[in-house]
Amino acid sequence: MSDDDQRARRPRRADARRNEGALLDAAAAVFVTSGVEAPVRDIAARAGVGTATIYRHFPTRADLIIAVYRHQVEACAEAGPELLASCPTPYTALARWIDLFVDFLVTKHGLAGVLQSDDAGFQNLHAYFVDRLVPVCTRLLDAATEAGEIRTGLTALELMRGVGNLCIGAERSVGYDARRLVEVLVAGLRRTD
């Protein structure tokens, strides 16, 4: 086994994972405000690192974009069970998760043009998104249904598509508050009987 193979198999230090997470969070924030073509120096400044650090972790812009997308999918996926365990009711957990999902979608829409490119690295990202997030949303919906808090019959994919459709174009429409409309949608799930 080569030295490179051994390094790749070695678990990364916790501080290295934290630093990379902070860098990806900074990149996502810059992408939302300035687009995916924002200068790397802006991302570095927001993350509090040098541009060389970014290039060391992500040699190309495509590598950085893919990493931001995956990082956000993972954060959203991990939040579901945490919210279910910490919120007072499953409905509250679902509503808070949907709010995080909206935050993710705002960034995702900023990446939409790039994610639809012919770059091979982008081809599997939608399947990754669906595979990771639909089960989390399903678990939250099932818990709220079992608790008798929401209406039955809505699938996770239907809810996620509805939320996604309400978020489309929100960044370009003055006076359009997608988050408020999503809140109305989620409130409409509640049982009233």
N, C-alpha and C. Protein backbone atom coordinates (compact mmCIF):
# COMPACT_ATOMS: atom_id res chain seq x y z
N MET A 1 0.85 -1.18 0.00
CA MET A 1 0.00 0.00 0.00
C MET A 1 0.89 1.24 0.00
N SER A 2 0.59 2.19 -0.86
CA SER A 2 1.40 3.40 -0.97
C SER A 2 1.12 4.34 0.20
N ASP A 3 2.00 5.33 0.37
CA ASP A 3 1.80 6.34 1.41
C ASP A 3 0.50 7.10 1.19
N ASP A 4 0.19 7.41 -0.07
CA ASP A 4 -1.06 8.13 -0.38
C ASP A 4 -2.28 7.31 0.02
N ASP A 5 -2.25 5.99 -0.25
CA ASP A 5 -3.36 5.12 0.12
C ASP A 5 -3.53 5.06 1.63
N GLN A 6 -2.40 4.99 2.35
CA GLN A 6 -2.47 4.96 3.81
C GLN A 6 -3.05 6.25 4.36
N ARG A 7 -2.64 7.40 3.78
CA ARG A 7 -3.17 8.70 4.23
C ARG A 7 -4.66 8.78 3.95
N ALA A 8 -5.11 8.28 2.81
CA ALA A 8 -6.52 8.34 2.45
C ALA A 8 -7.38 7.49 3.38
N ARG A 9 -6.83 6.37 3.88
CA ARG A 9 -7.58 5.49 4.77
C ARG A 9 -7.57 5.99 6.22
N ARG A 10 -6.60 6.80 6.57
CA ARG A 10 -6.47 7.30 7.93
C ARG A 10 -7.60 8.27 8.24
N PRO A 11 -8.28 8.11 9.40
CA PRO A 11 -9.34 9.07 9.72
C PRO A 11 -8.76 10.48 9.92
N ARG A 12 -9.52 11.46 9.46
CA ARG A 12 -9.06 12.84 9.59
C ARG A 12 -9.26 13.32 11.02
N ARG A 13 -8.39 14.20 11.45
CA ARG A 13 -8.49 14.76 12.80
C ARG A 13 -9.77 15.58 12.92
N ALA A 14 -10.30 15.66 14.13
CA ALA A 14 -11.54 16.40 14.38
C ALA A 14 -11.38 17.87 14.02
N ASP A 15 -10.22 18.46 14.32
CA ASP A 15 -10.03 19.88 14.00
C ASP A 15 -9.97 20.10 12.49
N ALA A 16 -9.44 19.14 11.74
CA ALA A 16 -9.40 19.25 10.28
C ALA A 16 -10.81 19.18 9.71
N ARG A 17 -11.64 18.29 10.27
CA ARG A 17 -13.04 18.21 9.82
C ARG A 17 -13.79 19.49 10.14
N ARG A 18 -13.55 20.05 11.34
CA ARG A 18 -14.21 21.31 11.73
C ARG A 18 -13.79 22.45 10.81
N ASN A 19 -12.48 22.54 10.53
CA ASN A 19 -11.98 23.60 9.66
C ASN A 19 -12.57 23.48 8.26
N GLU A 20 -12.63 22.27 7.74
CA GLU A 20 -13.21 22.08 6.42
C GLU A 20 -14.70 22.44 6.43
N GLY A 21 -15.41 22.08 7.51
CA GLY A 21 -16.82 22.44 7.64
C GLY A 21 -17.01 23.94 7.66
N ALA A 22 -16.15 24.66 8.39
CA ALA A 22 -16.24 26.12 8.44
C ALA A 22 -15.96 26.73 7.08
N LEU A 23 -15.01 26.16 6.37
CA LEU A 23 -14.68 26.64 5.02
C LEU A 23 -15.87 26.42 4.08
N LEU A 24 -16.52 25.26 4.17
CA LEU A 24 -17.67 24.97 3.31
C LEU A 24 -18.87 25.85 3.66
N ASP A 25 -19.05 26.12 4.95
CA ASP A 25 -20.13 27.04 5.35
C ASP A 25 -19.88 28.44 4.79
N ALA A 26 -18.63 28.87 4.85
CA ALA A 26 -18.28 30.19 4.32
C ALA A 26 -18.50 30.23 2.81
N ALA A 27 -18.11 29.18 2.11
CA ALA A 27 -18.31 29.13 0.66
C ALA A 27 -19.79 29.17 0.32
N ALA A 28 -20.61 28.44 1.07
CA ALA A 28 -22.05 28.44 0.81
C ALA A 28 -22.63 29.83 0.99
N ALA A 29 -22.21 30.52 2.04
CA ALA A 29 -22.72 31.88 2.29
C ALA A 29 -22.31 32.83 1.17
N VAL A 30 -21.09 32.72 0.70
CA VAL A 30 -20.62 33.58 -0.39
C VAL A 30 -21.35 33.23 -1.68
N PHE A 31 -21.59 31.94 -1.92
CA PHE A 31 -22.32 31.53 -3.12
C PHE A 31 -23.73 32.12 -3.14
N VAL A 32 -24.38 32.17 -1.98
CA VAL A 32 -25.75 32.71 -1.91
C VAL A 32 -25.74 34.20 -2.25
N THR A 33 -24.78 34.94 -1.70
CA THR A 33 -24.78 36.39 -1.91
C THR A 33 -24.13 36.83 -3.21
N SER A 34 -23.11 36.07 -3.68
CA SER A 34 -22.34 36.53 -4.83
C SER A 34 -22.32 35.55 -6.00
N GLY A 35 -22.92 34.39 -5.85
CA GLY A 35 -22.92 33.40 -6.92
C GLY A 35 -21.72 32.50 -6.85
N VAL A 36 -21.78 31.39 -7.61
CA VAL A 36 -20.72 30.39 -7.55
C VAL A 36 -19.43 30.83 -8.24
N GLU A 37 -19.49 31.93 -8.96
CA GLU A 37 -18.28 32.44 -9.60
C GLU A 37 -17.59 33.49 -8.73
N ALA A 38 -18.01 33.63 -7.50
CA ALA A 38 -17.39 34.60 -6.59
C ALA A 38 -15.89 34.29 -6.46
N PRO A 39 -15.09 35.33 -6.29
CA PRO A 39 -13.64 35.11 -6.15
C PRO A 39 -13.33 34.24 -4.93
N VAL A 40 -12.38 33.35 -5.10
CA VAL A 40 -11.96 32.48 -4.01
C VAL A 40 -11.46 33.30 -2.83
N ARG A 41 -10.86 34.47 -3.10
CA ARG A 41 -10.37 35.31 -2.00
C ARG A 41 -11.52 35.75 -1.09
N ASP A 42 -12.74 35.93 -1.65
CA ASP A 42 -13.90 36.30 -0.83
C ASP A 42 -14.27 35.15 0.11
N ILE A 43 -14.22 33.93 -0.40
CA ILE A 43 -14.52 32.75 0.42
C ILE A 43 -13.45 32.60 1.50
N ALA A 44 -12.20 32.77 1.11
CA ALA A 44 -11.10 32.66 2.07
C ALA A 44 -11.22 33.69 3.18
N ALA A 45 -11.55 34.92 2.80
CA ALA A 45 -11.70 35.99 3.80
C ALA A 45 -12.83 35.65 4.77
N ARG A 46 -13.94 35.19 4.26
CA ARG A 46 -15.09 34.85 5.12
C ARG A 46 -14.74 33.69 6.04
N ALA A 47 -13.96 32.73 5.53
CA ALA A 47 -13.58 31.56 6.33
C ALA A 47 -12.40 31.84 7.26
N GLY A 48 -11.70 32.97 7.03
CA GLY A 48 -10.55 33.30 7.86
C GLY A 48 -9.33 32.44 7.55
N VAL A 49 -9.20 32.06 6.27
CA VAL A 49 -8.05 31.26 5.83
C VAL A 49 -7.45 31.90 4.59
N GLY A 50 -6.30 31.42 4.19
CA GLY A 50 -5.69 31.89 2.95
C GLY A 50 -6.26 31.14 1.76
N THR A 51 -6.13 31.73 0.59
CA THR A 51 -6.64 31.08 -0.62
C THR A 51 -5.93 29.75 -0.87
N ALA A 52 -4.66 29.65 -0.48
CA ALA A 52 -3.93 28.40 -0.67
C ALA A 52 -4.59 27.25 0.10
N THR A 53 -5.15 27.55 1.25
CA THR A 53 -5.85 26.53 2.03
C THR A 53 -7.04 25.99 1.25
N ILE A 54 -7.79 26.88 0.62
CA ILE A 54 -8.94 26.44 -0.17
C ILE A 54 -8.47 25.56 -1.33
N TYR A 55 -7.45 26.01 -2.05
CA TYR A 55 -6.97 25.24 -3.18
C TYR A 55 -6.35 23.90 -2.76
N ARG A 56 -5.80 23.84 -1.57
CA ARG A 56 -5.24 22.59 -1.08
C ARG A 56 -6.36 21.56 -0.86
N HIS A 57 -7.49 22.02 -0.32
CA HIS A 57 -8.62 21.13 -0.09
C HIS A 57 -9.43 20.87 -1.36
N PHE A 58 -9.58 21.90 -2.19
CA PHE A 58 -10.44 21.84 -3.37
C PHE A 58 -9.69 22.44 -4.56
N PRO A 59 -8.97 21.62 -5.30
CA PRO A 59 -8.13 22.11 -6.39
C PRO A 59 -8.90 22.86 -7.48
N THR A 60 -10.18 22.53 -7.68
CA THR A 60 -10.96 23.21 -8.72
C THR A 60 -12.23 23.78 -8.12
N ARG A 61 -12.82 24.73 -8.81
CA ARG A 61 -14.09 25.32 -8.37
C ARG A 61 -15.17 24.23 -8.32
N ALA A 62 -15.16 23.33 -9.29
CA ALA A 62 -16.13 22.23 -9.31
C ALA A 62 -16.00 21.38 -8.05
N ASP A 63 -14.77 21.11 -7.62
CA ASP A 63 -14.56 20.34 -6.38
C ASP A 63 -15.18 21.06 -5.19
N LEU A 64 -15.01 22.37 -5.13
CA LEU A 64 -15.56 23.16 -4.03
C LEU A 64 -17.09 23.16 -4.08
N ILE A 65 -17.66 23.35 -5.25
CA ILE A 65 -19.12 23.38 -5.38
C ILE A 65 -19.73 22.05 -4.96
N ILE A 66 -19.14 20.97 -5.43
CA ILE A 66 -19.65 19.64 -5.06
C ILE A 66 -19.53 19.43 -3.55
N ALA A 67 -18.42 19.83 -2.97
CA ALA A 67 -18.22 19.66 -1.53
C ALA A 67 -19.23 20.49 -0.73
N VAL A 68 -19.51 21.73 -1.18
CA VAL A 68 -20.50 22.57 -0.50
C VAL A 68 -21.87 21.89 -0.54
N TYR A 69 -22.25 21.41 -1.70
CA TYR A 69 -23.54 20.75 -1.88
C TYR A 69 -23.66 19.53 -0.95
N ARG A 70 -22.64 18.67 -0.98
CA ARG A 70 -22.68 17.46 -0.14
C ARG A 70 -22.68 17.82 1.35
N HIS A 71 -21.91 18.83 1.71
CA HIS A 71 -21.84 19.27 3.11
C HIS A 71 -23.22 19.73 3.58
N GLN A 72 -23.91 20.46 2.74
CA GLN A 72 -25.23 20.96 3.13
C GLN A 72 -26.26 19.84 3.17
N VAL A 73 -26.17 18.90 2.25
CA VAL A 73 -27.08 17.75 2.29
C VAL A 73 -26.87 16.98 3.59
N GLU A 74 -25.61 16.74 3.94
CA GLU A 74 -25.30 16.00 5.17
C GLU A 74 -25.80 16.74 6.42
N ALA A 75 -25.60 18.05 6.45
CA ALA A 75 -26.06 18.83 7.61
C ALA A 75 -27.58 18.73 7.75
N CYS A 76 -28.28 18.80 6.64
CA CYS A 76 -29.73 18.71 6.65
C CYS A 76 -30.17 17.30 7.07
N ALA A 77 -29.49 16.28 6.56
CA ALA A 77 -29.82 14.90 6.90
C ALA A 77 -29.58 14.62 8.38
N GLU A 78 -28.47 15.10 8.91
CA GLU A 78 -28.14 14.87 10.32
C GLU A 78 -29.06 15.64 11.26
N ALA A 79 -29.60 16.74 10.81
CA ALA A 79 -30.46 17.56 11.66
C ALA A 79 -31.79 16.88 11.96
N GLY A 80 -32.30 16.07 11.04
CA GLY A 80 -33.61 15.45 11.24
C GLY A 80 -33.70 14.65 12.53
N PRO A 81 -32.86 13.63 12.71
CA PRO A 81 -32.92 12.85 13.95
C PRO A 81 -32.63 13.68 15.20
N GLU A 82 -31.70 14.65 15.07
CA GLU A 82 -31.39 15.51 16.22
C GLU A 82 -32.61 16.33 16.63
N LEU A 83 -33.32 16.88 15.65
CA LEU A 83 -34.53 17.66 15.95
C LEU A 83 -35.62 16.77 16.53
N LEU A 84 -35.78 15.58 16.01
CA LEU A 84 -36.79 14.67 16.53
C LEU A 84 -36.52 14.32 17.99
N ALA A 85 -35.25 14.21 18.34
CA ALA A 85 -34.88 13.89 19.72
C ALA A 85 -34.98 15.09 20.66
N SER A 86 -34.81 16.31 20.13
CA SER A 86 -34.72 17.48 21.01
C SER A 86 -35.96 18.38 21.03
N CYS A 87 -36.81 18.28 20.04
CA CYS A 87 -37.99 19.15 19.98
C CYS A 87 -39.12 18.59 20.84
N PRO A 88 -40.00 19.47 21.32
CA PRO A 88 -41.09 19.01 22.19
C PRO A 88 -42.10 18.09 21.49
N THR A 89 -42.27 18.25 20.18
CA THR A 89 -43.21 17.40 19.45
C THR A 89 -42.63 17.05 18.08
N PRO A 90 -43.07 15.94 17.50
CA PRO A 90 -42.62 15.62 16.15
C PRO A 90 -43.00 16.70 15.12
N TYR A 91 -44.17 17.32 15.28
CA TYR A 91 -44.55 18.39 14.34
C TYR A 91 -43.57 19.56 14.42
N THR A 92 -43.17 19.93 15.63
CA THR A 92 -42.18 21.00 15.81
C THR A 92 -40.86 20.62 15.13
N ALA A 93 -40.45 19.36 15.30
CA ALA A 93 -39.22 18.89 14.65
C ALA A 93 -39.35 18.98 13.13
N LEU A 94 -40.50 18.57 12.60
CA LEU A 94 -40.73 18.64 11.16
C LEU A 94 -40.68 20.08 10.68
N ALA A 95 -41.35 20.99 11.37
CA ALA A 95 -41.37 22.40 10.96
C ALA A 95 -39.97 23.01 10.99
N ARG A 96 -39.20 22.68 12.02
CA ARG A 96 -37.83 23.22 12.09
C ARG A 96 -36.94 22.61 11.01
N TRP A 97 -37.14 21.33 10.71
CA TRP A 97 -36.35 20.70 9.65
C TRP A 97 -36.69 21.32 8.30
N ILE A 98 -37.96 21.56 8.06
CA ILE A 98 -38.36 22.20 6.80
C ILE A 98 -37.71 23.58 6.69
N ASP A 99 -37.60 24.30 7.79
CA ASP A 99 -36.94 25.60 7.78
C ASP A 99 -35.47 25.45 7.36
N LEU A 100 -34.79 24.43 7.88
CA LEU A 100 -33.40 24.16 7.47
C LEU A 100 -33.35 23.76 6.00
N PHE A 101 -34.33 23.00 5.57
CA PHE A 101 -34.40 22.57 4.18
C PHE A 101 -34.55 23.79 3.26
N VAL A 102 -35.33 24.77 3.68
CA VAL A 102 -35.47 26.01 2.90
C VAL A 102 -34.11 26.70 2.80
N ASP A 103 -33.38 26.78 3.91
CA ASP A 103 -32.03 27.38 3.86
C ASP A 103 -31.16 26.65 2.85
N PHE A 104 -31.22 25.32 2.86
CA PHE A 104 -30.45 24.53 1.89
C PHE A 104 -30.89 24.84 0.47
N LEU A 105 -32.19 24.93 0.24
CA LEU A 105 -32.69 25.17 -1.11
C LEU A 105 -32.27 26.53 -1.65
N VAL A 106 -32.17 27.52 -0.79
CA VAL A 106 -31.74 28.85 -1.23
C VAL A 106 -30.33 28.75 -1.80
N THR A 107 -29.46 28.03 -1.12
CA THR A 107 -28.10 27.84 -1.62
C THR A 107 -28.11 26.97 -2.86
N LYS A 108 -28.90 25.90 -2.84
CA LYS A 108 -28.96 24.98 -3.98
C LYS A 108 -29.40 25.71 -5.24
N HIS A 109 -30.38 26.60 -5.10
CA HIS A 109 -30.83 27.34 -6.28
C HIS A 109 -29.71 28.21 -6.83
N GLY A 110 -28.86 28.72 -5.95
CA GLY A 110 -27.71 29.48 -6.42
C GLY A 110 -26.73 28.62 -7.21
N LEU A 111 -26.75 27.33 -6.94
CA LEU A 111 -25.85 26.41 -7.61
C LEU A 111 -26.50 25.72 -8.80
N ALA A 112 -27.78 25.98 -9.03
CA ALA A 112 -28.56 25.20 -10.00
C ALA A 112 -27.92 25.16 -11.38
N GLY A 113 -27.49 26.30 -11.90
CA GLY A 113 -26.92 26.32 -13.25
C GLY A 113 -25.68 25.47 -13.36
N VAL A 114 -24.85 25.52 -12.35
CA VAL A 114 -23.62 24.74 -12.36
C VAL A 114 -23.94 23.26 -12.20
N LEU A 115 -24.90 22.94 -11.33
CA LEU A 115 -25.23 21.55 -11.07
C LEU A 115 -25.85 20.87 -12.28
N GLN A 116 -26.37 21.64 -13.21
CA GLN A 116 -26.97 21.07 -14.41
C GLN A 116 -25.96 21.00 -15.57
N SER A 117 -24.73 21.32 -15.31
CA SER A 117 -23.71 21.28 -16.36
C SER A 117 -23.38 19.84 -16.72
N ASP A 118 -22.53 19.67 -17.70
CA ASP A 118 -22.14 18.33 -18.14
C ASP A 118 -20.98 17.76 -17.33
N ASP A 119 -20.49 18.48 -16.35
CA ASP A 119 -19.38 18.01 -15.53
C ASP A 119 -19.76 16.69 -14.87
N ALA A 120 -18.91 15.68 -15.03
CA ALA A 120 -19.20 14.35 -14.50
C ALA A 120 -19.39 14.35 -12.99
N GLY A 121 -18.71 15.23 -12.30
CA GLY A 121 -18.84 15.29 -10.84
C GLY A 121 -20.21 15.71 -10.36
N PHE A 122 -20.98 16.39 -11.20
CA PHE A 122 -22.29 16.88 -10.81
C PHE A 122 -23.42 15.89 -11.10
N GLN A 123 -23.14 14.89 -11.91
CA GLN A 123 -24.20 14.01 -12.40
C GLN A 123 -24.94 13.24 -11.32
N ASN A 124 -24.28 12.83 -10.28
CA ASN A 124 -24.91 12.00 -9.26
C ASN A 124 -25.43 12.79 -8.06
N LEU A 125 -25.30 14.10 -8.09
CA LEU A 125 -25.67 14.88 -6.91
C LEU A 125 -27.17 14.87 -6.62
N HIS A 126 -28.01 14.89 -7.64
CA HIS A 126 -29.46 14.88 -7.37
C HIS A 126 -29.87 13.57 -6.71
N ALA A 127 -29.35 12.45 -7.20
CA ALA A 127 -29.66 11.16 -6.60
C ALA A 127 -29.16 11.11 -5.16
N TYR A 128 -28.00 11.68 -4.92
CA TYR A 128 -27.45 11.76 -3.56
C TYR A 128 -28.39 12.55 -2.65
N PHE A 129 -28.85 13.69 -3.14
CA PHE A 129 -29.80 14.54 -2.42
C PHE A 129 -31.06 13.76 -2.06
N VAL A 130 -31.65 13.09 -3.03
CA VAL A 130 -32.89 12.33 -2.80
C VAL A 130 -32.63 11.18 -1.83
N ASP A 131 -31.56 10.43 -2.06
CA ASP A 131 -31.25 9.27 -1.22
C ASP A 131 -31.01 9.65 0.23
N ARG A 132 -30.42 10.81 0.47
CA ARG A 132 -30.12 11.22 1.86
C ARG A 132 -31.29 11.93 2.54
N LEU A 133 -32.03 12.77 1.80
CA LEU A 133 -33.01 13.62 2.47
C LEU A 133 -34.44 13.07 2.49
N VAL A 134 -34.84 12.32 1.49
CA VAL A 134 -36.21 11.78 1.50
C VAL A 134 -36.44 10.87 2.71
N PRO A 135 -35.52 9.97 3.05
CA PRO A 135 -35.75 9.14 4.24
C PRO A 135 -35.85 9.96 5.54
N VAL A 136 -35.09 11.03 5.63
CA VAL A 136 -35.14 11.88 6.84
C VAL A 136 -36.51 12.55 6.93
N CYS A 137 -36.96 13.12 5.83
CA CYS A 137 -38.27 13.77 5.81
C CYS A 137 -39.38 12.74 6.08
N THR A 138 -39.24 11.55 5.52
CA THR A 138 -40.22 10.48 5.75
C THR A 138 -40.30 10.15 7.23
N ARG A 139 -39.16 10.04 7.88
CA ARG A 139 -39.14 9.72 9.32
C ARG A 139 -39.84 10.82 10.13
N LEU A 140 -39.59 12.07 9.77
CA LEU A 140 -40.24 13.18 10.47
C LEU A 140 -41.75 13.18 10.23
N LEU A 141 -42.16 12.97 8.99
CA LEU A 141 -43.60 12.90 8.67
C LEU A 141 -44.26 11.74 9.41
N ASP A 142 -43.62 10.57 9.39
CA ASP A 142 -44.18 9.40 10.07
C ASP A 142 -44.34 9.65 11.57
N ALA A 143 -43.34 10.27 12.18
CA ALA A 143 -43.42 10.55 13.63
C ALA A 143 -44.56 11.50 13.94
N ALA A 144 -44.71 12.55 13.12
CA ALA A 144 -45.80 13.52 13.35
C ALA A 144 -47.16 12.89 13.07
N THR A 145 -47.23 11.99 12.10
CA THR A 145 -48.48 11.28 11.81
C THR A 145 -48.85 10.35 12.95
N GLU A 146 -47.87 9.57 13.41
CA GLU A 146 -48.10 8.63 14.52
C GLU A 146 -48.53 9.37 15.79
N ALA A 147 -48.04 10.59 15.97
CA ALA A 147 -48.42 11.39 17.14
C ALA A 147 -49.79 12.05 16.95
N GLY A 148 -50.38 11.87 15.77
CA GLY A 148 -51.69 12.45 15.49
C GLY A 148 -51.66 13.96 15.27
N GLU A 149 -50.49 14.49 14.94
CA GLU A 149 -50.34 15.94 14.79
C GLU A 149 -50.60 16.45 13.39
N ILE A 150 -50.43 15.59 12.38
CA ILE A 150 -50.61 16.05 11.00
C ILE A 150 -51.55 15.12 10.25
N ARG A 151 -52.03 15.63 9.11
CA ARG A 151 -52.86 14.82 8.22
C ARG A 151 -52.01 13.72 7.61
N THR A 152 -52.66 12.66 7.22
CA THR A 152 -51.93 11.55 6.60
C THR A 152 -52.05 11.63 5.08
N GLY A 153 -51.24 10.85 4.42
CA GLY A 153 -51.36 10.71 2.97
C GLY A 153 -50.36 11.50 2.15
N LEU A 154 -49.61 12.38 2.73
CA LEU A 154 -48.62 13.16 2.00
C LEU A 154 -47.27 12.44 2.10
N THR A 155 -46.61 12.27 0.96
CA THR A 155 -45.29 11.63 1.01
C THR A 155 -44.21 12.69 1.22
N ALA A 156 -43.06 12.24 1.66
CA ALA A 156 -41.93 13.15 1.87
C ALA A 156 -41.54 13.83 0.57
N LEU A 157 -41.49 13.07 -0.51
CA LEU A 157 -41.10 13.65 -1.78
C LEU A 157 -42.09 14.72 -2.24
N GLU A 158 -43.38 14.49 -2.01
CA GLU A 158 -44.38 15.51 -2.36
C GLU A 158 -44.17 16.79 -1.55
N LEU A 159 -43.95 16.62 -0.25
CA LEU A 159 -43.73 17.79 0.61
C LEU A 159 -42.46 18.53 0.20
N MET A 160 -41.39 17.79 -0.05
CA MET A 160 -40.13 18.43 -0.42
C MET A 160 -40.24 19.14 -1.77
N ARG A 161 -40.95 18.54 -2.70
CA ARG A 161 -41.15 19.21 -4.00
C ARG A 161 -42.00 20.46 -3.84
N GLY A 162 -43.02 20.39 -3.00
CA GLY A 162 -43.85 21.57 -2.77
C GLY A 162 -43.05 22.71 -2.18
N VAL A 163 -42.23 22.39 -1.19
CA VAL A 163 -41.37 23.39 -0.57
C VAL A 163 -40.40 23.94 -1.61
N GLY A 164 -39.80 23.04 -2.39
CA GLY A 164 -38.86 23.47 -3.42
C GLY A 164 -39.50 24.39 -4.44
N ASN A 165 -40.71 24.07 -4.85
CA ASN A 165 -41.40 24.91 -5.83
C ASN A 165 -41.71 26.29 -5.26
N LEU A 166 -42.01 26.37 -3.97
CA LEU A 166 -42.26 27.68 -3.36
C LEU A 166 -40.98 28.51 -3.27
N CYS A 167 -39.83 27.85 -3.25
CA CYS A 167 -38.55 28.56 -3.12
C CYS A 167 -37.96 28.99 -4.46
N ILE A 168 -38.43 28.42 -5.56
CA ILE A 168 -37.86 28.74 -6.87
C ILE A 168 -38.03 30.22 -7.17
N GLY A 169 -36.93 30.86 -7.52
CA GLY A 169 -36.97 32.26 -7.93
C GLY A 169 -37.08 33.26 -6.80
N ALA A 170 -37.13 32.79 -5.56
CA ALA A 170 -37.32 33.71 -4.43
C ALA A 170 -36.21 34.76 -4.36
N GLU A 171 -34.98 34.38 -4.74
CA GLU A 171 -33.87 35.32 -4.64
C GLU A 171 -33.94 36.42 -5.68
N ARG A 172 -34.75 36.22 -6.72
CA ARG A 172 -34.86 37.22 -7.78
C ARG A 172 -36.14 38.04 -7.71
N SER A 173 -37.07 37.67 -6.85
CA SER A 173 -38.38 38.33 -6.81
C SER A 173 -38.48 39.24 -5.59
N VAL A 174 -38.47 40.53 -5.84
CA VAL A 174 -38.60 41.50 -4.75
C VAL A 174 -40.00 41.36 -4.15
N GLY A 175 -40.07 41.29 -2.85
CA GLY A 175 -41.35 41.20 -2.16
C GLY A 175 -41.90 39.80 -2.03
N TYR A 176 -41.25 38.81 -2.63
CA TYR A 176 -41.71 37.42 -2.53
C TYR A 176 -41.03 36.78 -1.34
N ASP A 177 -41.80 36.31 -0.38
CA ASP A 177 -41.26 35.71 0.83
C ASP A 177 -41.57 34.21 0.84
N ALA A 178 -40.67 33.45 0.25
CA ALA A 178 -40.87 32.01 0.15
C ALA A 178 -40.99 31.37 1.53
N ARG A 179 -40.20 31.85 2.47
CA ARG A 179 -40.23 31.25 3.82
C ARG A 179 -41.62 31.38 4.45
N ARG A 180 -42.28 32.53 4.25
CA ARG A 180 -43.62 32.72 4.80
C ARG A 180 -44.60 31.75 4.15
N LEU A 181 -44.49 31.55 2.84
CA LEU A 181 -45.38 30.62 2.15
C LEU A 181 -45.12 29.18 2.58
N VAL A 182 -43.87 28.84 2.82
CA VAL A 182 -43.55 27.49 3.30
C VAL A 182 -44.15 27.30 4.69
N GLU A 183 -44.09 28.33 5.53
CA GLU A 183 -44.71 28.24 6.87
C GLU A 183 -46.21 27.97 6.76
N VAL A 184 -46.86 28.61 5.80
CA VAL A 184 -48.30 28.38 5.58
C VAL A 184 -48.52 26.92 5.14
N LEU A 185 -47.69 26.43 4.24
CA LEU A 185 -47.79 25.04 3.80
C LEU A 185 -47.64 24.08 4.97
N VAL A 186 -46.63 24.28 5.78
CA VAL A 186 -46.38 23.39 6.91
C VAL A 186 -47.51 23.51 7.95
N ALA A 187 -48.01 24.70 8.17
CA ALA A 187 -49.14 24.88 9.09
C ALA A 187 -50.37 24.13 8.57
N GLY A 188 -50.51 24.07 7.26
CA GLY A 188 -51.65 23.36 6.66
C GLY A 188 -51.60 21.85 6.86
N LEU A 189 -50.46 21.32 7.25
CA LEU A 189 -50.36 19.89 7.52
C LEU A 189 -51.02 19.50 8.84
N ARG A 190 -51.17 20.46 9.74
CA ARG A 190 -51.69 20.18 11.08
C ARG A 190 -53.10 19.68 11.04
N ARG A 191 -53.37 18.73 11.88
CA ARG A 191 -54.75 18.23 12.03
C ARG A 191 -55.54 19.26 12.82
N THR A 192 -56.75 19.48 12.41
CA THR A 192 -57.58 20.46 13.10
C THR A 192 -58.75 19.81 13.85
N ASP A 193 -58.86 18.49 13.78
CA ASP A 193 -59.98 17.83 14.47
C ASP A 193 -59.60 17.32 15.81
